[in-house]
PDB file of N, CA and C in Angstrom:
ATOM      1  N   LYS A   1      -1.919  -8.901  16.982  1.00  0.00           N
ATOM      2  CA  LYS A   1      -2.311  -8.049  15.877  1.00  0.00           C
ATOM      3  C   LYS A   1      -2.323  -8.790  14.550  1.00  0.00           C
ATOM      4  N   ASN A   2      -1.493  -9.790  14.408  1.00  0.00           N
ATOM      5  CA  ASN A   2      -1.361 -10.511  13.151  1.00  0.00           C
ATOM      6  C   ASN A   2      -2.674 -11.228  12.830  1.00  0.00           C
ATOM      7  N   LYS A   3      -3.263 -10.875  11.694  1.00  0.00           N
ATOM      8  CA  LYS A   3      -4.522 -11.489  11.276  1.00  0.00           C
ATOM      9  C   LYS A   3      -4.385 -11.996   9.857  1.00  0.00           C
ATOM     10  N   GLN A   4      -4.995 -13.129   9.578  1.00  0.00           N
ATOM     11  CA  GLN A   4      -4.971 -13.670   8.221  1.00  0.00           C
ATOM     12  C   GLN A   4      -6.265 -13.285   7.510  1.00  0.00           C
ATOM     13  N   TYR A   5      -6.104 -12.852   6.265  1.00  0.00           N
ATOM     14  CA  TYR A   5      -7.234 -12.430   5.454  1.00  0.00           C
ATOM     15  C   TYR A   5      -7.240 -13.217   4.149  1.00  0.00           C
ATOM     16  N   ASN A   6      -8.416 -13.522   3.669  1.00  0.00           N
ATOM     17  CA  ASN A   6      -8.611 -14.085   2.340  1.00  0.00           C
ATOM     18  C   ASN A   6      -9.167 -12.959   1.476  1.00  0.00           C
ATOM     19  N   LEU A   7      -8.381 -12.521   0.509  1.00  0.00           N
ATOM     20  CA  LEU A   7      -8.787 -11.415  -0.345  1.00  0.00           C
ATOM     21  C   LEU A   7      -9.085 -11.929  -1.745  1.00  0.00           C
ATOM     22  N   ASN A   8     -10.179 -11.486  -2.297  1.00  0.00           N
ATOM     23  CA  ASN A   8     -10.556 -11.867  -3.648  1.00  0.00           C
ATOM     24  C   ASN A   8     -10.186 -10.723  -4.587  1.00  0.00           C
ATOM     25  N   ILE A   9      -9.161 -10.935  -5.402  1.00  0.00           N
ATOM     26  CA  ILE A   9      -8.677  -9.926  -6.343  1.00  0.00           C
ATOM     27  C   ILE A   9      -9.374 -10.159  -7.676  1.00  0.00           C
ATOM     28  N   VAL A  10     -10.068  -9.144  -8.167  1.00  0.00           N
ATOM     29  CA  VAL A  10     -10.790  -9.256  -9.434  1.00  0.00           C
ATOM     30  C   VAL A  10     -10.190  -8.246 -10.415  1.00  0.00           C
ATOM     31  N   LYS A  11      -9.786  -8.735 -11.584  1.00  0.00           N
ATOM     32  CA  LYS A  11      -9.238  -7.874 -12.630  1.00  0.00           C
ATOM     33  C   LYS A  11     -10.018  -8.108 -13.914  1.00  0.00           C
ATOM     34  N   CYS A  12     -10.062  -7.083 -14.726  1.00  0.00           N
ATOM     35  CA  CYS A  12     -10.793  -7.167 -15.992  1.00  0.00           C
ATOM     36  C   CYS A  12      -9.808  -7.100 -17.149  1.00  0.00           C
ATOM     37  N   TYR A  13      -9.834  -8.109 -18.021  1.00  0.00           N
ATOM     38  CA  TYR A  13      -9.031  -8.151 -19.228  1.00  0.00           C
ATOM     39  C   TYR A  13      -9.963  -8.364 -20.413  1.00  0.00           C
ATOM     40  N   ASN A  14     -10.006  -7.402 -21.310  1.00  0.00           N
ATOM     41  CA  ASN A  14     -10.843  -7.500 -22.511  1.00  0.00           C
ATOM     42  C   ASN A  14     -12.284  -7.886 -22.176  1.00  0.00           C
ATOM     43  N   ASN A  15     -12.858  -7.209 -21.210  1.00  0.00           N
ATOM     44  CA  ASN A  15     -14.236  -7.425 -20.756  1.00  0.00           C
ATOM     45  C   ASN A  15     -14.462  -8.783 -20.104  1.00  0.00           C
ATOM     46  N   ASN A  16     -13.399  -9.502 -19.759  1.00  0.00           N
ATOM     47  CA  ASN A  16     -13.507 -10.754 -19.009  1.00  0.00           C
ATOM     48  C   ASN A  16     -12.961 -10.537 -17.603  1.00  0.00           C
ATOM     49  N   TYR A  17     -13.736 -10.921 -16.620  1.00  0.00           N
ATOM     50  CA  TYR A  17     -13.322 -10.751 -15.230  1.00  0.00           C
ATOM     51  C   TYR A  17     -12.629 -12.014 -14.738  1.00  0.00           C
ATOM     52  N   ILE A  18     -11.448 -11.828 -14.188  1.00  0.00           N
ATOM     53  CA  ILE A  18     -10.669 -12.938 -13.650  1.00  0.00           C
ATOM     54  C   ILE A  18     -10.540 -12.736 -12.153  1.00  0.00           C
ATOM     55  N   SER A  19     -10.925 -13.740 -11.394  1.00  0.00           N
ATOM     56  CA  SER A  19     -10.903 -13.669  -9.940  1.00  0.00           C
ATOM     57  C   SER A  19      -9.789 -14.560  -9.402  1.00  0.00           C
ATOM     58  N   ASN A  20      -9.063 -14.051  -8.429  1.00  0.00           N
ATOM     59  CA  ASN A  20      -7.964 -14.786  -7.819  1.00  0.00           C
ATOM     60  C   ASN A  20      -7.993 -14.529  -6.325  1.00  0.00           C
ATOM     61  N   GLU A  21      -8.090 -15.574  -5.535  1.00  0.00           N
ATOM     62  CA  GLU A  21      -8.100 -15.411  -4.084  1.00  0.00           C
ATOM     63  C   GLU A  21      -6.691 -15.562  -3.543  1.00  0.00           C
ATOM     64  N   ILE A  22      -6.287 -14.624  -2.682  1.00  0.00           N
ATOM     65  CA  ILE A  22      -4.984 -14.715  -2.044  1.00  0.00           C
ATOM     66  C   ILE A  22      -5.174 -14.776  -0.535  1.00  0.00           C
ATOM     67  N   HIS A  23      -4.236 -15.389   0.140  1.00  0.00           N
ATOM     68  CA  HIS A  23      -4.234 -15.473   1.602  1.00  0.00           C
ATOM     69  C   HIS A  23      -3.052 -14.658   2.092  1.00  0.00           C
ATOM     70  N   VAL A  24      -3.290 -13.743   3.019  1.00  0.00           N
ATOM     71  CA  VAL A  24      -2.222 -12.842   3.457  1.00  0.00           C
ATOM     72  C   VAL A  24      -2.352 -12.568   4.951  1.00  0.00           C
ATOM     73  N   ASP A  25      -1.201 -12.476   5.622  1.00  0.00           N
ATOM     74  CA  ASP A  25      -1.143 -12.073   7.026  1.00  0.00           C
ATOM     75  C   ASP A  25      -0.804 -10.592   7.074  1.00  0.00           C
ATOM     76  N   ILE A  26      -1.635  -9.809   7.741  1.00  0.00           N
ATOM     77  CA  ILE A  26      -1.407  -8.372   7.876  1.00  0.00           C
ATOM     78  C   ILE A  26      -1.275  -8.066   9.356  1.00  0.00           C
ATOM     79  N   ASP A  27      -0.194  -7.363   9.718  1.00  0.00           N
ATOM     80  CA  ASP A  27       0.120  -7.115  11.123  1.00  0.00           C
ATOM     81  C   ASP A  27      -0.446  -5.810  11.671  1.00  0.00           C
ATOM     82  N   ILE A  28      -0.972  -4.931  10.827  1.00  0.00           N
ATOM     83  CA  ILE A  28      -1.469  -3.643  11.303  1.00  0.00           C
ATOM     84  C   ILE A  28      -2.984  -3.585  11.168  1.00  0.00           C
ATOM     85  N   ASN A  29      -3.597  -2.664  11.906  1.00  0.00           N
ATOM     86  CA  ASN A  29      -5.031  -2.403  11.754  1.00  0.00           C
ATOM     87  C   ASN A  29      -5.183  -1.417  10.607  1.00  0.00           C
ATOM     88  N   PHE A  30      -5.494  -1.902   9.428  1.00  0.00           N
ATOM     89  CA  PHE A  30      -5.536  -1.075   8.228  1.00  0.00           C
ATOM     90  C   PHE A  30      -6.945  -0.597   7.942  1.00  0.00           C
ATOM     91  N   TYR A  31      -7.034   0.482   7.157  1.00  0.00           N
ATOM     92  CA  TYR A  31      -8.343   0.938   6.683  1.00  0.00           C
ATOM     93  C   TYR A  31      -8.405   1.025   5.165  1.00  0.00           C
ATOM     94  N   ASN A  32      -7.278   0.732   4.497  1.00  0.00           N
ATOM     95  CA  ASN A  32      -7.282   0.723   3.040  1.00  0.00           C
ATOM     96  C   ASN A  32      -6.234  -0.273   2.557  1.00  0.00           C
ATOM     97  N   ILE A  33      -6.476  -0.875   1.406  1.00  0.00           N
ATOM     98  CA  ILE A  33      -5.531  -1.811   0.786  1.00  0.00           C
ATOM     99  C   ILE A  33      -5.435  -1.470  -0.696  1.00  0.00           C
ATOM    100  N   ILE A  34      -4.203  -1.489  -1.216  1.00  0.00           N
ATOM    101  CA  ILE A  34      -4.024  -1.442  -2.666  1.00  0.00           C
ATOM    102  C   ILE A  34      -3.191  -2.652  -3.053  1.00  0.00           C
ATOM    103  N   TYR A  35      -3.398  -3.136  -4.276  1.00  0.00           N
ATOM    104  CA  TYR A  35      -2.744  -4.377  -4.716  1.00  0.00           C
ATOM    105  C   TYR A  35      -2.409  -4.244  -6.188  1.00  0.00           C
ATOM    106  N   GLU A  36      -1.162  -4.588  -6.526  1.00  0.00           N
ATOM    107  CA  GLU A  36      -0.763  -4.595  -7.924  1.00  0.00           C
ATOM    108  C   GLU A  36       0.459  -5.491  -8.095  1.00  0.00           C
ATOM    109  N   LYS A  37       0.447  -6.315  -9.142  1.00  0.00           N
ATOM    110  CA  LYS A  37       1.583  -7.169  -9.509  1.00  0.00           C
ATOM    111  C   LYS A  37       2.111  -7.964  -8.311  1.00  0.00           C
ATOM    112  N   ASN A  38       1.216  -8.599  -7.577  1.00  0.00           N
ATOM    113  CA  ASN A  38       1.556  -9.432  -6.414  1.00  0.00           C
ATOM    114  C   ASN A  38       2.213  -8.656  -5.276  1.00  0.00           C
ATOM    115  N   ILE A  39       1.955  -7.359  -5.213  1.00  0.00           N
ATOM    116  CA  ILE A  39       2.413  -6.531  -4.097  1.00  0.00           C
ATOM    117  C   ILE A  39       1.181  -5.918  -3.450  1.00  0.00           C
ATOM    118  N   LEU A  40       1.089  -6.077  -2.141  1.00  0.00           N
ATOM    119  CA  LEU A  40      -0.050  -5.556  -1.387  1.00  0.00           C
ATOM    120  C   LEU A  40       0.457  -4.500  -0.420  1.00  0.00           C
ATOM    121  N   ALA A  41      -0.246  -3.380  -0.340  1.00  0.00           N
ATOM    122  CA  ALA A  41       0.054  -2.345   0.638  1.00  0.00           C
ATOM    123  C   ALA A  41      -1.190  -2.151   1.496  1.00  0.00           C
ATOM    124  N   ALA A  42      -1.049  -2.433   2.804  1.00  0.00           N
ATOM    125  CA  ALA A  42      -2.120  -2.202   3.773  1.00  0.00           C
ATOM    126  C   ALA A  42      -1.811  -0.877   4.465  1.00  0.00           C
ATOM    127  N   ILE A  43      -2.779   0.036   4.479  1.00  0.00           N
ATOM    128  CA  ILE A  43      -2.531   1.405   4.933  1.00  0.00           C
ATOM    129  C   ILE A  43      -3.285   1.679   6.227  1.00  0.00           C
ATOM    130  N   ASP A  44      -2.543   2.197   7.205  1.00  0.00           N
ATOM    131  CA  ASP A  44      -3.106   2.685   8.456  1.00  0.00           C
ATOM    132  C   ASP A  44      -2.751   4.166   8.550  1.00  0.00           C
ATOM    133  N   GLU A  45      -3.214   4.832   9.583  1.00  0.00           N
ATOM    134  CA  GLU A  45      -2.992   6.268   9.720  1.00  0.00           C
ATOM    135  C   GLU A  45      -1.508   6.634   9.791  1.00  0.00           C
ATOM    136  N   ASN A  46      -0.697   5.841  10.492  1.00  0.00           N
ATOM    137  CA  ASN A  46       0.707   6.185  10.695  1.00  0.00           C
ATOM    138  C   ASN A  46       1.696   5.183  10.126  1.00  0.00           C
ATOM    139  N   GLU A  47       1.223   4.145   9.448  1.00  0.00           N
ATOM    140  CA  GLU A  47       2.137   3.174   8.879  1.00  0.00           C
ATOM    141  C   GLU A  47       1.503   2.469   7.684  1.00  0.00           C
ATOM    142  N   ILE A  48       2.381   1.956   6.837  1.00  0.00           N
ATOM    143  CA  ILE A  48       1.962   1.175   5.676  1.00  0.00           C
ATOM    144  C   ILE A  48       2.739  -0.126   5.713  1.00  0.00           C
ATOM    145  N   GLU A  49       2.032  -1.230   5.620  1.00  0.00           N
ATOM    146  CA  GLU A  49       2.683  -2.533   5.567  1.00  0.00           C
ATOM    147  C   GLU A  49       2.705  -2.985   4.109  1.00  0.00           C
ATOM    148  N   ILE A  50       3.906  -3.279   3.604  1.00  0.00           N
ATOM    149  CA  ILE A  50       4.099  -3.689   2.224  1.00  0.00           C
ATOM    150  C   ILE A  50       4.428  -5.173   2.223  1.00  0.00           C
ATOM    151  N   ILE A  51       3.605  -5.960   1.539  1.00  0.00           N
ATOM    152  CA  ILE A  51       3.754  -7.409   1.535  1.00  0.00           C
ATOM    153  C   ILE A  51       3.976  -7.870   0.101  1.00  0.00           C
ATOM    154  N   THR A  52       5.106  -8.559  -0.124  1.00  0.00           N
ATOM    155  CA  THR A  52       5.392  -9.163  -1.420  1.00  0.00           C
ATOM    156  C   THR A  52       5.440 -10.672  -1.215  1.00  0.00           C
ATOM    157  N   GLU A  53       5.717 -11.399  -2.280  1.00  0.00           N
ATOM    158  CA  GLU A  53       5.823 -12.856  -2.163  1.00  0.00           C
ATOM    159  C   GLU A  53       7.016 -13.261  -1.306  1.00  0.00           C
ATOM    160  N   LYS A  54       8.041 -12.397  -1.216  1.00  0.00           N
ATOM    161  CA  LYS A  54       9.270 -12.742  -0.512  1.00  0.00           C
ATOM    162  C   LYS A  54       9.467 -12.022   0.813  1.00  0.00           C
ATOM    163  N   SER A  55       8.772 -10.910   1.040  1.00  0.00           N
ATOM    164  CA  SER A  55       9.063 -10.132   2.239  1.00  0.00           C
ATOM    165  C   SER A  55       7.845  -9.363   2.742  1.00  0.00           C
ATOM    166  N   LYS A  56       8.014  -8.819   3.935  1.00  0.00           N
ATOM    167  CA  LYS A  56       7.005  -7.978   4.572  1.00  0.00           C
ATOM    168  C   LYS A  56       7.751  -6.850   5.265  1.00  0.00           C
ATOM    169  N   GLU A  57       7.406  -5.602   4.928  1.00  0.00           N
ATOM    170  CA  GLU A  57       8.082  -4.444   5.494  1.00  0.00           C
ATOM    171  C   GLU A  57       7.057  -3.422   5.955  1.00  0.00           C
ATOM    172  N   LYS A  58       7.464  -2.592   6.929  1.00  0.00           N
ATOM    173  CA  LYS A  58       6.606  -1.507   7.387  1.00  0.00           C
ATOM    174  C   LYS A  58       7.264  -0.180   7.084  1.00  0.00           C
ATOM    175  N   LEU A  59       6.479   0.729   6.551  1.00  0.00           N
ATOM    176  CA  LEU A  59       6.898   2.100   6.298  1.00  0.00           C
ATOM    177  C   LEU A  59       6.178   2.962   7.332  1.00  0.00           C
ATOM    178  N   LEU A  60       6.945   3.517   8.283  1.00  0.00           N
ATOM    179  CA  LEU A  60       6.355   4.359   9.316  1.00  0.00           C
ATOM    180  C   LEU A  60       6.258   5.785   8.813  1.00  0.00           C
ATOM    181  N   LEU A  61       5.096   6.399   8.975  1.00  0.00           N
ATOM    182  CA  LEU A  61       4.868   7.762   8.531  1.00  0.00           C
ATOM    183  C   LEU A  61       5.087   8.722   9.694  1.00  0.00           C
ATOM    184  N   GLN A  62       5.551   9.932   9.390  1.00  0.00           N
ATOM    185  CA  GLN A  62       5.783  10.923  10.430  1.00  0.00           C
ATOM    186  C   GLN A  62       4.449  11.307  11.066  1.00  0.00           C
ATOM    187  N   LYS A  63       4.411  11.311  12.403  1.00  0.00           N
ATOM    188  CA  LYS A  63       3.152  11.529  13.117  1.00  0.00           C
ATOM    189  C   LYS A  63       2.580  12.931  12.919  1.00  0.00           C
ATOM    190  N   GLU A  64       3.426  13.909  12.587  1.00  0.00           N
ATOM    191  CA  GLU A  64       2.910  15.267  12.389  1.00  0.00           C
ATOM    192  C   GLU A  64       2.242  15.445  11.027  1.00  0.00           C
ATOM    193  N   TYR A  65       2.274  14.386  10.212  1.00  0.00           N
ATOM    194  CA  TYR A  65       1.628  14.414   8.896  1.00  0.00           C
ATOM    195  C   TYR A  65       0.459  13.440   8.871  1.00  0.00           C
ATOM    196  N   MET A  66      -0.491  13.733   8.003  1.00  0.00           N
ATOM    197  CA  MET A  66      -1.591  12.804   7.804  1.00  0.00           C
ATOM    198  C   MET A  66      -1.514  12.243   6.393  1.00  0.00           C
ATOM    199  N   TYR A  67      -1.893  10.992   6.292  1.00  0.00           N
ATOM    200  CA  TYR A  67      -1.893  10.265   5.029  1.00  0.00           C
ATOM    201  C   TYR A  67      -3.001  10.814   4.138  1.00  0.00           C
ATOM    202  N   CYS A  68      -2.666  11.078   2.866  1.00  0.00           N
ATOM    203  CA  CYS A  68      -3.665  11.575   1.912  1.00  0.00           C
ATOM    204  C   CYS A  68      -3.940  10.596   0.779  1.00  0.00           C
ATOM    205  N   GLY A  69      -2.954   9.814   0.420  1.00  0.00           N
ATOM    206  CA  GLY A  69      -3.150   8.880  -0.679  1.00  0.00           C
ATOM    207  C   GLY A  69      -1.894   8.076  -0.942  1.00  0.00           C
ATOM    208  N   VAL A  70      -2.079   6.972  -1.643  1.00  0.00           N
ATOM    209  CA  VAL A  70      -0.945   6.105  -1.974  1.00  0.00           C
ATOM    210  C   VAL A  70      -1.217   5.440  -3.315  1.00  0.00           C
ATOM    211  N   SER A  71      -0.147   5.209  -4.073  1.00  0.00           N
ATOM    212  CA  SER A  71      -0.290   4.579  -5.373  1.00  0.00           C
ATOM    213  C   SER A  71       0.995   3.840  -5.719  1.00  0.00           C
ATOM    214  N   PHE A  72       0.872   2.819  -6.552  1.00  0.00           N
ATOM    215  CA  PHE A  72       2.052   2.132  -7.068  1.00  0.00           C
ATOM    216  C   PHE A  72       2.534   2.853  -8.322  1.00  0.00           C
ATOM    217  N   PHE A  73       3.837   2.778  -8.568  1.00  0.00           N
ATOM    218  CA  PHE A  73       4.456   3.404  -9.728  1.00  0.00           C
ATOM    219  C   PHE A  73       5.570   2.485 -10.215  1.00  0.00           C
ATOM    220  N   ARG A  74       5.570   2.170 -11.495  1.00  0.00           N
ATOM    221  CA  ARG A  74       6.579   1.271 -12.068  1.00  0.00           C
ATOM    222  C   ARG A  74       7.443   2.063 -13.049  1.00  0.00           C
ATOM    223  N   LYS A  75       8.777   1.898 -12.900  1.00  0.00           N
ATOM    224  CA  LYS A  75       9.713   2.522 -13.823  1.00  0.00           C
ATOM    225  C   LYS A  75      10.900   1.596 -14.019  1.00  0.00           C
ATOM    226  N   ASN A  76      11.236   1.318 -15.277  1.00  0.00           N
ATOM    227  CA  ASN A  76      12.383   0.462 -15.611  1.00  0.00           C
ATOM    228  C   ASN A  76      12.344  -0.873 -14.860  1.00  0.00           C
ATOM    229  N   ASN A  77      11.205  -1.525 -14.852  1.00  0.00           N
ATOM    230  CA  ASN A  77      11.009  -2.815 -14.176  1.00  0.00           C
ATOM    231  C   ASN A  77      11.230  -2.771 -12.673  1.00  0.00           C
ATOM    232  N   GLU A  78      11.202  -1.592 -12.086  1.00  0.00           N
ATOM    233  CA  GLU A  78      11.271  -1.451 -10.633  1.00  0.00           C
ATOM    234  C   GLU A  78       9.930  -0.910 -10.153  1.00  0.00           C
ATOM    235  N   MET A  79       9.508  -1.367  -8.967  1.00  0.00           N
ATOM    236  CA  MET A  79       8.217  -0.949  -8.428  1.00  0.00           C
ATOM    237  C   MET A  79       8.444  -0.010  -7.245  1.00  0.00           C
ATOM    238  N   PHE A  80       7.670   1.069  -7.230  1.00  0.00           N
ATOM    239  CA  PHE A  80       7.746   2.063  -6.176  1.00  0.00           C
ATOM    240  C   PHE A  80       6.356   2.287  -5.590  1.00  0.00           C
ATOM    241  N   LEU A  81       6.336   2.778  -4.374  1.00  0.00           N
ATOM    242  CA  LEU A  81       5.108   3.198  -3.717  1.00  0.00           C
ATOM    243  C   LEU A  81       5.222   4.706  -3.517  1.00  0.00           C
ATOM    244  N   ILE A  82       4.225   5.449  -3.962  1.00  0.00           N
ATOM    245  CA  ILE A  82       4.203   6.896  -3.776  1.00  0.00           C
ATOM    246  C   ILE A  82       3.165   7.202  -2.703  1.00  0.00           C
ATOM    247  N   VAL A  83       3.591   7.902  -1.637  1.00  0.00           N
ATOM    248  CA  VAL A  83       2.704   8.239  -0.526  1.00  0.00           C
ATOM    249  C   VAL A  83       2.586   9.758  -0.450  1.00  0.00           C
ATOM    250  N   ALA A  84       1.359  10.267  -0.459  1.00  0.00           N
ATOM    251  CA  ALA A  84       1.098  11.704  -0.319  1.00  0.00           C
ATOM    252  C   ALA A  84       0.742  12.003   1.132  1.00  0.00           C
ATOM    253  N   LEU A  85       1.427  12.986   1.711  1.00  0.00           N
ATOM    254  CA  LEU A  85       1.209  13.378   3.105  1.00  0.00           C
ATOM    255  C   LEU A  85       0.963  14.879   3.183  1.00  0.00           C
ATOM    256  N   THR A  86       0.145  15.299   4.163  1.00  0.00           N
ATOM    257  CA  THR A  86      -0.099  16.708   4.440  1.00  0.00           C
ATOM    258  C   THR A  86       0.102  16.939   5.931  1.00  0.00           C
ATOM    259  N   SER A  87       0.716  18.064   6.266  1.00  0.00           N
ATOM    260  CA  SER A  87       0.944  18.405   7.663  1.00  0.00           C
ATOM    261  C   SER A  87      -0.386  18.589   8.387  1.00  0.00           C
ATOM    262  N   LYS A  88      -0.458  18.101   9.622  1.00  0.00           N
ATOM    263  CA  LYS A  88      -1.683  18.267  10.416  1.00  0.00           C
ATOM    264  C   LYS A  88      -1.866  19.712  10.865  1.00  0.00           C
ATOM    265  N   SER A  89      -0.769  20.476  10.978  1.00  0.00           N
ATOM    266  CA  SER A  89      -0.856  21.847  11.482  1.00  0.00           C
ATOM    267  C   SER A  89      -0.859  22.907  10.379  1.00  0.00           C
ATOM    268  N   CYS A  90      -0.374  22.561   9.170  1.00  0.00           N
ATOM    269  CA  CYS A  90      -0.290  23.545   8.086  1.00  0.00           C
ATOM    270  C   CYS A  90      -0.610  22.839   6.774  1.00  0.00           C
ATOM    271  N   LEU A  91      -1.797  23.076   6.243  1.00  0.00           N
ATOM    272  CA  LEU A  91      -2.238  22.365   5.038  1.00  0.00           C
ATOM    273  C   LEU A  91      -1.396  22.675   3.808  1.00  0.00           C
ATOM    274  N   GLU A  92      -0.659  23.795   3.831  1.00  0.00           N
ATOM    275  CA  GLU A  92       0.215  24.102   2.691  1.00  0.00           C
ATOM    276  C   GLU A  92       1.497  23.282   2.711  1.00  0.00           C
ATOM    277  N   ASP A  93       1.780  22.617   3.823  1.00  0.00           N
ATOM    278  CA  ASP A  93       2.983  21.793   3.956  1.00  0.00           C
ATOM    279  C   ASP A  93       2.630  20.348   3.600  1.00  0.00           C
ATOM    280  N   SER A  94       2.872  19.996   2.359  1.00  0.00           N
ATOM    281  CA  SER A  94       2.586  18.645   1.880  1.00  0.00           C
ATOM    282  C   SER A  94       3.849  18.058   1.273  1.00  0.00           C
ATOM    283  N   LYS A  95       3.911  16.731   1.205  1.00  0.00           N
ATOM    284  CA  LYS A  95       5.064  16.107   0.573  1.00  0.00           C
ATOM    285  C   LYS A  95       4.689  14.741   0.034  1.00  0.00           C
ATOM    286  N   LEU A  96       5.519  14.279  -0.900  1.00  0.00           N
ATOM    287  CA  LEU A  96       5.391  12.949  -1.477  1.00  0.00           C
ATOM    288  C   LEU A  96       6.603  12.133  -1.051  1.00  0.00           C
ATOM    289  N   ILE A  97       6.374  10.886  -0.677  1.00  0.00           N
ATOM    290  CA  ILE A  97       7.459   9.961  -0.356  1.00  0.00           C
ATOM    291  C   ILE A  97       7.477   8.895  -1.453  1.00  0.00           C
ATOM    292  N   LEU A  98       8.636   8.676  -2.035  1.00  0.00           N
ATOM    293  CA  LEU A  98       8.821   7.630  -3.031  1.00  0.00           C
ATOM    294  C   LEU A  98       9.602   6.515  -2.372  1.00  0.00           C
ATOM    295  N   TYR A  99       8.983   5.336  -2.269  1.00  0.00           N
ATOM    296  CA  TYR A  99       9.569   4.202  -1.567  1.00  0.00           C
ATOM    297  C   TYR A  99       9.776   3.069  -2.557  1.00  0.00           C
ATOM    298  N   LYS A 100      11.044   2.661  -2.734  1.00  0.00           N
ATOM    299  CA  LYS A 100      11.348   1.564  -3.663  1.00  0.00           C
ATOM    300  C   LYS A 100      11.042   0.228  -3.008  1.00  0.00           C
ATOM    301  N   ILE A 101      10.297  -0.605  -3.704  1.00  0.00           N
ATOM    302  CA  ILE A 101       9.940  -1.928  -3.190  1.00  0.00           C
ATOM    303  C   ILE A 101      10.953  -2.934  -3.731  1.00  0.00           C
ATOM    304  N   GLU A 102      11.635  -3.604  -2.826  1.00  0.00           N
ATOM    305  CA  GLU A 102      12.665  -4.579  -3.207  1.00  0.00           C
ATOM    306  C   GLU A 102      12.035  -5.907  -3.541  1.00  0.00           C
TER     307      GLU A 102
END
């Protein structure tokens, strides 16, 4: 499952585009990626792989819920991942998971 990817990260600062290529090994079959401050989150239906410069961790999602969205959140120089989930059987049953990235 482990695959190496070359990702081209493009950011805009004052109307100037800066491109940076990173090389990363991702162990899951993902369908979405978010990247911020050298932290990458690869998202699959039931798990999220979080890759930093120092570590690689997997966040397993409860199978009775479906993934709706994910975003990074920074507070007091700490980085968090916010994951929105909705129950597969009851759309009114939704929750947010706040995961601290070490």
